[in-house]
C-alpha atoms as a PDB file:
ATOM      1  CA  MET A   1      12.339  -7.383  -6.535  1.00  0.00           C
ATOM      2  CA  GLY A   2       9.114  -5.883  -7.834  1.00  0.00           C
ATOM      3  CA  VAL A   3       7.548  -6.555 -11.167  1.00  0.00           C
ATOM      4  CA  ILE A   4       8.672  -4.150 -13.853  1.00  0.00           C
ATOM      5  CA  MET A   5       5.777  -3.185 -16.108  1.00  0.00           C
ATOM      6  CA  THR A   6       6.116  -1.151 -19.249  1.00  0.00           C
ATOM      7  CA  ASP A   7       2.457  -0.117 -19.470  1.00  0.00           C
ATOM      8  CA  LYS A   8       1.622   2.279 -16.614  1.00  0.00           C
ATOM      9  CA  LYS A   9      -2.106   1.543 -16.934  1.00  0.00           C
ATOM     10  CA  ALA A  10      -1.458  -2.160 -16.231  1.00  0.00           C
ATOM     11  CA  ALA A  11      -0.054  -1.372 -12.763  1.00  0.00           C
ATOM     12  CA  TRP A  12      -2.672  -1.246 -10.048  1.00  0.00           C
ATOM     13  CA  PHE A  13      -0.280   0.541  -7.705  1.00  0.00           C
ATOM     14  CA  PRO A  14       2.106   3.112  -9.239  1.00  0.00           C
ATOM     15  CA  ALA A  15       5.445   3.981  -7.699  1.00  0.00           C
ATOM     16  CA  LYS A  16       5.440   7.108  -5.531  1.00  0.00           C
ATOM     17  CA  GLU A  17       6.415  10.417  -7.093  1.00  0.00           C
ATOM     18  CA  ASN A  18       8.698  11.289  -4.156  1.00  0.00           C
ATOM     19  CA  GLY A  19      10.372   8.824  -1.848  1.00  0.00           C
ATOM     20  CA  TRP A  20      10.235   5.020  -1.947  1.00  0.00           C
ATOM     21  CA  GLY A  21       7.196   2.785  -2.185  1.00  0.00           C
ATOM     22  CA  TRP A  22       3.806   2.840  -3.835  1.00  0.00           C
ATOM     23  CA  GLY A  23       1.229   5.577  -4.212  1.00  0.00           C
ATOM     24  CA  LYS A  24      -2.567   5.492  -4.345  1.00  0.00           C
ATOM     25  CA  PRO A  25      -4.157   2.817  -6.540  1.00  0.00           C
ATOM     26  CA  THR A  26      -4.897   3.851 -10.127  1.00  0.00           C
ATOM     27  CA  SER A  27      -7.478   1.196 -10.978  1.00  0.00           C
ATOM     28  CA  TRP A  28     -10.634  -0.197  -9.497  1.00  0.00           C
ATOM     29  CA  GLN A  29      -8.811  -3.471  -8.879  1.00  0.00           C
ATOM     30  CA  GLY A  30      -6.264  -1.676  -6.688  1.00  0.00           C
ATOM     31  CA  TRP A  31      -9.009   0.034  -4.715  1.00  0.00           C
ATOM     32  CA  GLY A  32     -10.711  -3.354  -4.374  1.00  0.00           C
ATOM     33  CA  VAL A  33      -7.532  -4.783  -2.855  1.00  0.00           C
ATOM     34  CA  ILE A  34      -7.420  -1.911  -0.327  1.00  0.00           C
ATOM     35  CA  VAL A  35     -11.101  -2.406   0.594  1.00  0.00           C
ATOM     36  CA  ALA A  36     -10.586  -6.176   0.928  1.00  0.00           C
ATOM     37  CA  TYR A  37      -7.608  -5.551   3.227  1.00  0.00           C
ATOM     38  CA  LEU A  38      -9.584  -3.189   5.457  1.00  0.00           C
ATOM     39  CA  LEU A  39     -12.510  -5.621   5.588  1.00  0.00           C
ATOM     40  CA  SER A  40     -10.179  -8.483   6.483  1.00  0.00           C
ATOM     41  CA  ILE A  41      -8.705  -6.455   9.354  1.00  0.00           C
ATOM     42  CA  ALA A  42     -12.237  -5.655  10.553  1.00  0.00           C
ATOM     43  CA  LEU A  43     -13.236  -9.332  10.376  1.00  0.00           C
ATOM     44  CA  VAL A  44     -10.114 -10.446  12.233  1.00  0.00           C
ATOM     45  CA  SER A  45     -10.826  -7.840  14.921  1.00  0.00           C
ATOM     46  CA  PHE A  46     -14.416  -9.087  15.162  1.00  0.00           C
ATOM     47  CA  TRP A  47     -13.461 -12.772  15.458  1.00  0.00           C
ATOM     48  CA  VAL A  48     -10.366 -12.369  17.631  1.00  0.00           C
ATOM     49  CA  ASP A  49     -10.677  -9.793  20.399  1.00  0.00           C
ATOM     50  CA  PRO A  50      -7.312  -7.974  20.526  1.00  0.00           C
ATOM     51  CA  LYS A  51      -7.878  -7.176  24.214  1.00  0.00           C
ATOM     52  CA  VAL A  52      -8.116 -10.868  25.078  1.00  0.00           C
ATOM     53  CA  ASP A  53      -5.779 -12.651  22.646  1.00  0.00           C
ATOM     54  CA  VAL A  54      -3.235 -10.134  21.341  1.00  0.00           C
ATOM     55  CA  LEU A  55      -0.784 -12.639  19.856  1.00  0.00           C
ATOM     56  CA  THR A  56      -3.415 -14.358  17.716  1.00  0.00           C
ATOM     57  CA  TRP A  57      -4.751 -10.992  16.553  1.00  0.00           C
ATOM     58  CA  VAL A  58      -1.244  -9.739  15.666  1.00  0.00           C
ATOM     59  CA  GLY A  59      -0.585 -12.977  13.796  1.00  0.00           C
ATOM     60  CA  TRP A  60      -3.708 -12.681  11.643  1.00  0.00           C
ATOM     61  CA  VAL A  61      -3.179  -8.968  10.987  1.00  0.00           C
ATOM     62  CA  SER A  62       0.398  -9.762   9.967  1.00  0.00           C
ATOM     63  CA  VAL A  63      -0.841 -12.403   7.510  1.00  0.00           C
ATOM     64  CA  CYS A  64      -3.324  -9.911   6.025  1.00  0.00           C
ATOM     65  CA  THR A  65      -0.633  -7.226   5.760  1.00  0.00           C
ATOM     66  CA  LEU A  66       1.836  -9.604   4.096  1.00  0.00           C
ATOM     67  CA  ALA A  67      -0.878 -10.513   1.574  1.00  0.00           C
ATOM     68  CA  LEU A  68      -1.412  -6.792   0.890  1.00  0.00           C
ATOM     69  CA  ILE A  69       2.320  -6.209   0.386  1.00  0.00           C
ATOM     70  CA  GLY A  70       2.393  -9.252  -1.902  1.00  0.00           C
ATOM     71  CA  MET A  71      -0.332  -7.702  -4.052  1.00  0.00           C
ATOM     72  CA  TYR A  72       1.616  -4.438  -4.189  1.00  0.00           C
ATOM     73  CA  VAL A  73       4.721  -6.302  -5.362  1.00  0.00           C
ATOM     74  CA  TRP A  74       2.799  -8.467  -7.836  1.00  0.00           C
ATOM     75  CA  LYS A  75       0.504  -5.830  -9.375  1.00  0.00           C
ATOM     76  CA  GLY A  76       2.435  -2.623  -8.691  1.00  0.00           C
ATOM     77  CA  GLU A  77       5.269  -0.809 -10.354  1.00  0.00           C
ATOM     78  CA  SER A  78       8.751  -1.492  -9.129  1.00  0.00           C
ATOM     79  CA  PRO A  79       9.362   0.884  -6.203  1.00  0.00           C
ATOM     80  CA  ASN A  80      12.549   2.885  -6.453  1.00  0.00           C
ATOM     81  CA  TRP A  81      13.883   5.962  -4.741  1.00  0.00           C
ATOM     82  CA  LYS A  82      12.796   9.177  -6.459  1.00  0.00           C
ATOM     83  CA  TRP A  83      13.411  12.656  -5.201  1.00  0.00           C
ATOM     84  CA  LYS A  84      12.125  15.754  -6.948  1.00  0.00           C
ATOM     85  CA  THR A  85      12.992  19.227  -5.799  1.00  0.00           C
ATOM     86  CA  ILE A  86      10.115  21.415  -4.707  1.00  0.00           C
ATOM     87  CA  GLU A  87       9.746  24.660  -6.630  1.00  0.00           C
ATOM     88  CA  LYS A  88      10.136  27.847  -4.591  1.00  0.00           C
ATOM     89  CA  GLU A  89       6.520  28.884  -5.220  1.00  0.00           C
ATOM     90  CA  LYS A  90       5.283  25.654  -3.654  1.00  0.00           C
ATOM     91  CA  ARG A  91       7.518  26.072  -0.569  1.00  0.00           C
ATOM     92  CA  LYS A  92       5.973  29.351   0.568  1.00  0.00           C
ATOM     93  CA  TRP A  93       3.986  27.689   3.341  1.00  0.00           C
ATOM     94  CA  PHE A  94       7.250  26.875   5.128  1.00  0.00           C
ATOM     95  CA  LYS A  95       7.785  30.564   6.017  1.00  0.00           C
END
């Protein structure tokens, strides 16, 4: 469902190296989207007290989160399941 981009630098949100989903943003635009999301959650929490009106607060946070996911789908790489094996040297902390 995601947008398939051939140029990795054009994607604001790359696919994760392991697992499914998106990793950290790789451009300033991606970081701007994350900051805008956090600010929108802070503003919603300031305007709508979650202790008083939980349903309204959940509704607005859901709208903000859906907008964030929309940006990930629009400007990110197509997420697909990737699984890389961990080298034995890197697994030593499991002992």
